[in-house]
Amino acid sequence: MLQVQEEQFDVNDIYLIYKGEKIKKDMAFLEVMELHNNRMEKLVGIEYATRYYQKWRGMHTLIKGFIKKTYKRNVVFIK
């Protein structure tokens, strides 16, 4: 089925279809960064200092502005 659709796929996509789940499409760069920051927030005080978490949050804001100014759009997808 994946070959007929002529889209790129990997082992994880085959496994997701086997389980009956939808294949995950390309994620936006800021979406990946937000996922990272949310995971990092849970580890503040355990693996990360508060200042590093704050720096990553600040970077998210800066990159969001950079993408908007440079690419004239709000979303850049990772392929």
PDB file of N, CA and C in Angstrom:
ATOM      1  N   MET A   1       0.828  -1.193   0.000  1.00  0.00           N
ATOM      2  CA  MET A   1       0.000   0.000   0.000  1.00  0.00           C
ATOM      3  C   MET A   1       0.872   1.257   0.000  1.00  0.00           C
ATOM      4  N   LEU A   2       1.917   1.246   0.799  1.00  0.00           N
ATOM      5  CA  LEU A   2       2.800   2.417   0.855  1.00  0.00           C
ATOM      6  C   LEU A   2       3.544   2.614  -0.463  1.00  0.00           C
ATOM      7  N   GLN A   3       3.922   1.530  -1.110  1.00  0.00           N
ATOM      8  CA  GLN A   3       4.622   1.643  -2.376  1.00  0.00           C
ATOM      9  C   GLN A   3       3.709   2.188  -3.469  1.00  0.00           C
ATOM     10  N   VAL A   4       2.441   1.819  -3.455  1.00  0.00           N
ATOM     11  CA  VAL A   4       1.491   2.290  -4.450  1.00  0.00           C
ATOM     12  C   VAL A   4       1.277   3.790  -4.317  1.00  0.00           C
ATOM     13  N   GLN A   5       1.308   4.308  -3.099  1.00  0.00           N
ATOM     14  CA  GLN A   5       1.105   5.733  -2.868  1.00  0.00           C
ATOM     15  C   GLN A   5       2.313   6.562  -3.302  1.00  0.00           C
ATOM     16  N   GLU A   6       3.428   5.889  -3.596  1.00  0.00           N
ATOM     17  CA  GLU A   6       4.659   6.530  -4.062  1.00  0.00           C
ATOM     18  C   GLU A   6       5.157   7.619  -3.122  1.00  0.00           C
ATOM     19  N   GLU A   7       4.988   7.407  -1.843  1.00  0.00           N
ATOM     20  CA  GLU A   7       5.531   8.309  -0.839  1.00  0.00           C
ATOM     21  C   GLU A   7       6.673   7.603  -0.130  1.00  0.00           C
ATOM     22  N   GLN A   8       7.598   8.383   0.386  1.00  0.00           N
ATOM     23  CA  GLN A   8       8.684   7.785   1.137  1.00  0.00           C
ATOM     24  C   GLN A   8       8.153   7.265   2.459  1.00  0.00           C
ATOM     25  N   PHE A   9       8.679   6.126   2.890  1.00  0.00           N
ATOM     26  CA  PHE A   9       8.269   5.559   4.163  1.00  0.00           C
ATOM     27  C   PHE A   9       9.439   4.805   4.761  1.00  0.00           C
ATOM     28  N   ASP A  10       9.323   4.536   6.047  1.00  0.00           N
ATOM     29  CA  ASP A  10      10.368   3.787   6.725  1.00  0.00           C
ATOM     30  C   ASP A  10       9.735   2.681   7.566  1.00  0.00           C
ATOM     31  N   VAL A  11      10.551   2.009   8.333  1.00  0.00           N
ATOM     32  CA  VAL A  11      10.089   0.888   9.143  1.00  0.00           C
ATOM     33  C   VAL A  11       9.019   1.329  10.141  1.00  0.00           C
ATOM     34  N   ASN A  12       9.176   2.509  10.712  1.00  0.00           N
ATOM     35  CA  ASN A  12       8.188   3.007  11.674  1.00  0.00           C
ATOM     36  C   ASN A  12       6.818   3.187  11.032  1.00  0.00           C
ATOM     37  N   ASP A  13       6.792   3.629   9.775  1.00  0.00           N
ATOM     38  CA  ASP A  13       5.525   3.789   9.077  1.00  0.00           C
ATOM     39  C   ASP A  13       4.836   2.435   8.879  1.00  0.00           C
ATOM     40  N   ILE A  14       5.615   1.422   8.520  1.00  0.00           N
ATOM     41  CA  ILE A  14       5.055   0.078   8.346  1.00  0.00           C
ATOM     42  C   ILE A  14       4.480  -0.420   9.667  1.00  0.00           C
ATOM     43  N   TYR A  15       5.208  -0.200  10.750  1.00  0.00           N
ATOM     44  CA  TYR A  15       4.749  -0.634  12.069  1.00  0.00           C
ATOM     45  C   TYR A  15       3.461   0.081  12.477  1.00  0.00           C
ATOM     46  N   LEU A  16       3.388   1.385  12.217  1.00  0.00           N
ATOM     47  CA  LEU A  16       2.186   2.144  12.566  1.00  0.00           C
ATOM     48  C   LEU A  16       0.967   1.643  11.790  1.00  0.00           C
ATOM     49  N   ILE A  17       1.152   1.339  10.514  1.00  0.00           N
ATOM     50  CA  ILE A  17       0.030   0.808   9.729  1.00  0.00           C
ATOM     51  C   ILE A  17      -0.369  -0.568  10.251  1.00  0.00           C
ATOM     52  N   TYR A  18       0.598  -1.387  10.614  1.00  0.00           N
ATOM     53  CA  TYR A  18       0.319  -2.711  11.175  1.00  0.00           C
ATOM     54  C   TYR A  18      -0.522  -2.601  12.448  1.00  0.00           C
ATOM     55  N   LYS A  19      -0.210  -1.591  13.279  1.00  0.00           N
ATOM     56  CA  LYS A  19      -0.962  -1.381  14.517  1.00  0.00           C
ATOM     57  C   LYS A  19      -2.307  -0.708  14.267  1.00  0.00           C
ATOM     58  N   GLY A  20      -2.541  -0.236  13.035  1.00  0.00           N
ATOM     59  CA  GLY A  20      -3.800   0.425  12.720  1.00  0.00           C
ATOM     60  C   GLY A  20      -3.779   1.917  12.995  1.00  0.00           C
ATOM     61  N   GLU A  21      -2.603   2.480  13.176  1.00  0.00           N
ATOM     62  CA  GLU A  21      -2.473   3.907  13.446  1.00  0.00           C
ATOM     63  C   GLU A  21      -2.115   4.645  12.167  1.00  0.00           C
ATOM     64  N   LYS A  22      -2.293   5.958  12.197  1.00  0.00           N
ATOM     65  CA  LYS A  22      -1.974   6.781  11.043  1.00  0.00           C
ATOM     66  C   LYS A  22      -0.474   7.051  10.990  1.00  0.00           C
ATOM     67  N   ILE A  23       0.015   7.195   9.770  1.00  0.00           N
ATOM     68  CA  ILE A  23       1.426   7.523   9.571  1.00  0.00           C
ATOM     69  C   ILE A  23       1.637   8.984   9.931  1.00  0.00           C
ATOM     70  N   LYS A  24       2.702   9.219  10.638  1.00  0.00           N
ATOM     71  CA  LYS A  24       3.022  10.591  11.023  1.00  0.00           C
ATOM     72  C   LYS A  24       3.633  11.312   9.827  1.00  0.00           C
ATOM     73  N   LYS A  25       3.106  12.468   9.540  1.00  0.00           N
ATOM     74  CA  LYS A  25       3.609  13.274   8.432  1.00  0.00           C
ATOM     75  C   LYS A  25       4.760  14.146   8.920  1.00  0.00           C
ATOM     76  N   ASP A  26       5.284  14.945   8.012  1.00  0.00           N
ATOM     77  CA  ASP A  26       6.376  15.852   8.359  1.00  0.00           C
ATOM     78  C   ASP A  26       5.945  16.782   9.480  1.00  0.00           C
ATOM     79  N   MET A  27       6.865  17.027  10.392  1.00  0.00           N
ATOM     80  CA  MET A  27       6.584  17.917  11.509  1.00  0.00           C
ATOM     81  C   MET A  27       7.184  19.290  11.235  1.00  0.00           C
ATOM     82  N   ALA A  28       6.548  20.290  11.770  1.00  0.00           N
ATOM     83  CA  ALA A  28       7.072  21.645  11.659  1.00  0.00           C
ATOM     84  C   ALA A  28       8.266  21.793  12.602  1.00  0.00           C
ATOM     85  N   PHE A  29       9.223  22.616  12.206  1.00  0.00           N
ATOM     86  CA  PHE A  29      10.421  22.806  13.014  1.00  0.00           C
ATOM     87  C   PHE A  29      10.070  23.299  14.411  1.00  0.00           C
ATOM     88  N   LEU A  30       9.190  24.284  14.484  1.00  0.00           N
ATOM     89  CA  LEU A  30       8.821  24.831  15.797  1.00  0.00           C
ATOM     90  C   LEU A  30       8.038  23.814  16.621  1.00  0.00           C
ATOM     91  N   GLU A  31       7.324  22.923  15.961  1.00  0.00           N
ATOM     92  CA  GLU A  31       6.594  21.865  16.662  1.00  0.00           C
ATOM     93  C   GLU A  31       7.579  20.901  17.326  1.00  0.00           C
ATOM     94  N   VAL A  32       8.644  20.574  16.621  1.00  0.00           N
ATOM     95  CA  VAL A  32       9.685  19.696  17.184  1.00  0.00           C
ATOM     96  C   VAL A  32      10.385  20.387  18.344  1.00  0.00           C
ATOM     97  N   MET A  33      10.664  21.659  18.175  1.00  0.00           N
ATOM     98  CA  MET A  33      11.325  22.411  19.240  1.00  0.00           C
ATOM     99  C   MET A  33      10.432  22.515  20.479  1.00  0.00           C
ATOM    100  N   GLU A  34       9.139  22.707  20.260  1.00  0.00           N
ATOM    101  CA  GLU A  34       8.193  22.778  21.379  1.00  0.00           C
ATOM    102  C   GLU A  34       8.122  21.436  22.111  1.00  0.00           C
ATOM    103  N   LEU A  35       8.147  20.349  21.352  1.00  0.00           N
ATOM    104  CA  LEU A  35       8.161  19.015  21.953  1.00  0.00           C
ATOM    105  C   LEU A  35       9.409  18.842  22.819  1.00  0.00           C
ATOM    106  N   HIS A  36      10.548  19.275  22.297  1.00  0.00           N
ATOM    107  CA  HIS A  36      11.802  19.216  23.060  1.00  0.00           C
ATOM    108  C   HIS A  36      11.699  20.033  24.341  1.00  0.00           C
ATOM    109  N   ASN A  37      11.180  21.260  24.222  1.00  0.00           N
ATOM    110  CA  ASN A  37      11.095  22.138  25.387  1.00  0.00           C
ATOM    111  C   ASN A  37      10.146  21.579  26.445  1.00  0.00           C
ATOM    112  N   ASN A  38       9.062  20.963  26.023  1.00  0.00           N
ATOM    113  CA  ASN A  38       8.128  20.366  26.982  1.00  0.00           C
ATOM    114  C   ASN A  38       8.774  19.209  27.737  1.00  0.00           C
ATOM    115  N   ARG A  39       9.543  18.398  27.021  1.00  0.00           N
ATOM    116  CA  ARG A  39      10.261  17.297  27.687  1.00  0.00           C
ATOM    117  C   ARG A  39      11.330  17.835  28.634  1.00  0.00           C
ATOM    118  N   MET A  40      12.009  18.875  28.172  1.00  0.00           N
ATOM    119  CA  MET A  40      13.062  19.473  28.982  1.00  0.00           C
ATOM    120  C   MET A  40      12.486  20.086  30.259  1.00  0.00           C
ATOM    121  N   GLU A  41      11.304  20.699  30.152  1.00  0.00           N
ATOM    122  CA  GLU A  41      10.669  21.328  31.309  1.00  0.00           C
ATOM    123  C   GLU A  41      10.424  20.308  32.419  1.00  0.00           C
ATOM    124  N   LYS A  42      10.067  19.099  32.040  1.00  0.00           N
ATOM    125  CA  LYS A  42       9.811  18.054  33.033  1.00  0.00           C
ATOM    126  C   LYS A  42      11.084  17.599  33.731  1.00  0.00           C
ATOM    127  N   LEU A  43      12.235  17.857  33.103  1.00  0.00           N
ATOM    128  CA  LEU A  43      13.506  17.409  33.667  1.00  0.00           C
ATOM    129  C   LEU A  43      14.301  18.532  34.335  1.00  0.00           C
ATOM    130  N   VAL A  44      13.694  19.719  34.452  1.00  0.00           N
ATOM    131  CA  VAL A  44      14.366  20.827  35.136  1.00  0.00           C
ATOM    132  C   VAL A  44      14.545  20.434  36.611  1.00  0.00           C
ATOM    133  N   GLY A  45      15.747  20.601  37.083  1.00  0.00           N
ATOM    134  CA  GLY A  45      16.064  20.236  38.459  1.00  0.00           C
ATOM    135  C   GLY A  45      16.540  18.804  38.586  1.00  0.00           C
ATOM    136  N   ILE A  46      16.296  17.986  37.558  1.00  0.00           N
ATOM    137  CA  ILE A  46      16.747  16.586  37.565  1.00  0.00           C
ATOM    138  C   ILE A  46      17.980  16.455  36.664  1.00  0.00           C
ATOM    139  N   GLU A  47      17.817  16.830  35.403  1.00  0.00           N
ATOM    140  CA  GLU A  47      18.920  16.752  34.448  1.00  0.00           C
ATOM    141  C   GLU A  47      19.357  18.117  33.924  1.00  0.00           C
ATOM    142  N   TYR A  48      18.470  19.109  34.009  1.00  0.00           N
ATOM    143  CA  TYR A  48      18.763  20.422  33.449  1.00  0.00           C
ATOM    144  C   TYR A  48      18.559  21.505  34.511  1.00  0.00           C
ATOM    145  N   ALA A  49      19.365  22.547  34.397  1.00  0.00           N
ATOM    146  CA  ALA A  49      19.194  23.715  35.260  1.00  0.00           C
ATOM    147  C   ALA A  49      18.112  24.606  34.661  1.00  0.00           C
ATOM    148  N   THR A  50      17.477  25.379  35.497  1.00  0.00           N
ATOM    149  CA  THR A  50      16.399  26.268  35.060  1.00  0.00           C
ATOM    150  C   THR A  50      16.868  27.232  33.987  1.00  0.00           C
ATOM    151  N   ARG A  51      18.087  27.716  34.092  1.00  0.00           N
ATOM    152  CA  ARG A  51      18.583  28.697  33.121  1.00  0.00           C
ATOM    153  C   ARG A  51      18.695  28.112  31.717  1.00  0.00           C
ATOM    154  N   TYR A  52      19.036  26.815  31.601  1.00  0.00           N
ATOM    155  CA  TYR A  52      19.109  26.199  30.278  1.00  0.00           C
ATOM    156  C   TYR A  52      17.719  26.071  29.659  1.00  0.00           C
ATOM    157  N   TYR A  53      16.767  25.728  30.480  1.00  0.00           N
ATOM    158  CA  TYR A  53      15.387  25.650  29.995  1.00  0.00           C
ATOM    159  C   TYR A  53      14.919  27.019  29.515  1.00  0.00           C
ATOM    160  N   GLN A  54      15.232  28.057  30.260  1.00  0.00           N
ATOM    161  CA  GLN A  54      14.841  29.415  29.876  1.00  0.00           C
ATOM    162  C   GLN A  54      15.525  29.833  28.576  1.00  0.00           C
ATOM    163  N   LYS A  55      16.779  29.421  28.380  1.00  0.00           N
ATOM    164  CA  LYS A  55      17.484  29.738  27.140  1.00  0.00           C
ATOM    165  C   LYS A  55      16.815  29.058  25.948  1.00  0.00           C
ATOM    166  N   TRP A  56      16.390  27.816  26.113  1.00  0.00           N
ATOM    167  CA  TRP A  56      15.716  27.099  25.034  1.00  0.00           C
ATOM    168  C   TRP A  56      14.373  27.751  24.720  1.00  0.00           C
ATOM    169  N   ARG A  57      13.663  28.205  25.729  1.00  0.00           N
ATOM    170  CA  ARG A  57      12.393  28.921  25.498  1.00  0.00           C
ATOM    171  C   ARG A  57      12.648  30.218  24.733  1.00  0.00           C
ATOM    172  N   GLY A  58      13.706  30.919  25.109  1.00  0.00           N
ATOM    173  CA  GLY A  58      14.068  32.147  24.410  1.00  0.00           C
ATOM    174  C   GLY A  58      14.469  31.883  22.967  1.00  0.00           C
ATOM    175  N   MET A  59      15.199  30.779  22.746  1.00  0.00           N
ATOM    176  CA  MET A  59      15.587  30.412  21.393  1.00  0.00           C
ATOM    177  C   MET A  59      14.358  30.123  20.533  1.00  0.00           C
ATOM    178  N   HIS A  60      13.367  29.494  21.123  1.00  0.00           N
ATOM    179  CA  HIS A  60      12.127  29.193  20.401  1.00  0.00           C
ATOM    180  C   HIS A  60      11.494  30.483  19.888  1.00  0.00           C
ATOM    181  N   THR A  61      11.444  31.484  20.738  1.00  0.00           N
ATOM    182  CA  THR A  61      10.870  32.774  20.356  1.00  0.00           C
ATOM    183  C   THR A  61      11.696  33.437  19.254  1.00  0.00           C
ATOM    184  N   LEU A  62      13.016  33.404  19.381  1.00  0.00           N
ATOM    185  CA  LEU A  62      13.885  34.010  18.372  1.00  0.00           C
ATOM    186  C   LEU A  62      13.760  33.299  17.025  1.00  0.00           C
ATOM    187  N   ILE A  63      13.740  31.987  17.036  1.00  0.00           N
ATOM    188  CA  ILE A  63      13.639  31.227  15.794  1.00  0.00           C
ATOM    189  C   ILE A  63      12.278  31.433  15.140  1.00  0.00           C
ATOM    190  N   LYS A  64      11.253  31.550  15.952  1.00  0.00           N
ATOM    191  CA  LYS A  64       9.914  31.818  15.419  1.00  0.00           C
ATOM    192  C   LYS A  64       9.908  33.146  14.656  1.00  0.00           C
ATOM    193  N   GLY A  65      10.526  34.169  15.221  1.00  0.00           N
ATOM    194  CA  GLY A  65      10.634  35.459  14.557  1.00  0.00           C
ATOM    195  C   GLY A  65      11.500  35.391  13.309  1.00  0.00           C
ATOM    196  N   PHE A  66      12.585  34.615  13.374  1.00  0.00           N
ATOM    197  CA  PHE A  66      13.469  34.448  12.224  1.00  0.00           C
ATOM    198  C   PHE A  66      12.744  33.798  11.059  1.00  0.00           C
ATOM    199  N   ILE A  67      11.983  32.746  11.342  1.00  0.00           N
ATOM    200  CA  ILE A  67      11.232  32.051  10.289  1.00  0.00           C
ATOM    201  C   ILE A  67      10.216  32.990   9.651  1.00  0.00           C
ATOM    202  N   LYS A  68       9.522  33.746  10.482  1.00  0.00           N
ATOM    203  CA  LYS A  68       8.506  34.674   9.962  1.00  0.00           C
ATOM    204  C   LYS A  68       9.150  35.751   9.081  1.00  0.00           C
ATOM    205  N   LYS A  69      10.278  36.295   9.522  1.00  0.00           N
ATOM    206  CA  LYS A  69      10.930  37.365   8.779  1.00  0.00           C
ATOM    207  C   LYS A  69      11.613  36.842   7.515  1.00  0.00           C
ATOM    208  N   THR A  70      12.310  35.729   7.619  1.00  0.00           N
ATOM    209  CA  THR A  70      13.089  35.211   6.512  1.00  0.00           C
ATOM    210  C   THR A  70      12.228  34.524   5.452  1.00  0.00           C
ATOM    211  N   TYR A  71      11.321  33.662   5.890  1.00  0.00           N
ATOM    212  CA  TYR A  71      10.531  32.855   4.951  1.00  0.00           C
ATOM    213  C   TYR A  71       9.130  33.404   4.704  1.00  0.00           C
ATOM    214  N   LYS A  72       8.759  34.452   5.419  1.00  0.00           N
ATOM    215  CA  LYS A  72       7.446  35.093   5.261  1.00  0.00           C
ATOM    216  C   LYS A  72       6.289  34.125   5.500  1.00  0.00           C
ATOM    217  N   ARG A  73       6.490  33.204   6.428  1.00  0.00           N
ATOM    218  CA  ARG A  73       5.423  32.293   6.823  1.00  0.00           C
ATOM    219  C   ARG A  73       5.663  31.829   8.263  1.00  0.00           C
ATOM    220  N   ASN A  74       4.653  31.202   8.825  1.00  0.00           N
ATOM    221  CA  ASN A  74       4.730  30.799  10.236  1.00  0.00           C
ATOM    222  C   ASN A  74       5.247  29.383  10.431  1.00  0.00           C
ATOM    223  N   VAL A  75       5.233  28.576   9.375  1.00  0.00           N
ATOM    224  CA  VAL A  75       5.561  27.163   9.528  1.00  0.00           C
ATOM    225  C   VAL A  75       6.619  26.767   8.504  1.00  0.00           C
ATOM    226  N   VAL A  76       7.660  26.060   8.980  1.00  0.00           N
ATOM    227  CA  VAL A  76       8.670  25.448   8.127  1.00  0.00           C
ATOM    228  C   VAL A  76       8.717  23.986   8.524  1.00  0.00           C
ATOM    229  N   PHE A  77       8.488  23.110   7.556  1.00  0.00           N
ATOM    230  CA  PHE A  77       8.437  21.682   7.849  1.00  0.00           C
ATOM    231  C   PHE A  77       9.811  21.042   7.714  1.00  0.00           C
ATOM    232  N   ILE A  78      10.043  20.014   8.523  1.00  0.00           N
ATOM    233  CA  ILE A  78      11.257  19.219   8.471  1.00  0.00           C
ATOM    234  C   ILE A  78      10.935  17.988   7.661  1.00  0.00           C
ATOM    235  N   LYS A  79      11.771  17.688   6.696  1.00  0.00           N
ATOM    236  CA  LYS A  79      11.564  16.479   5.871  1.00  0.00           C
ATOM    237  C   LYS A  79      12.640  15.481   6.159  1.00  0.00           C
TER     238      LYS A  79
END
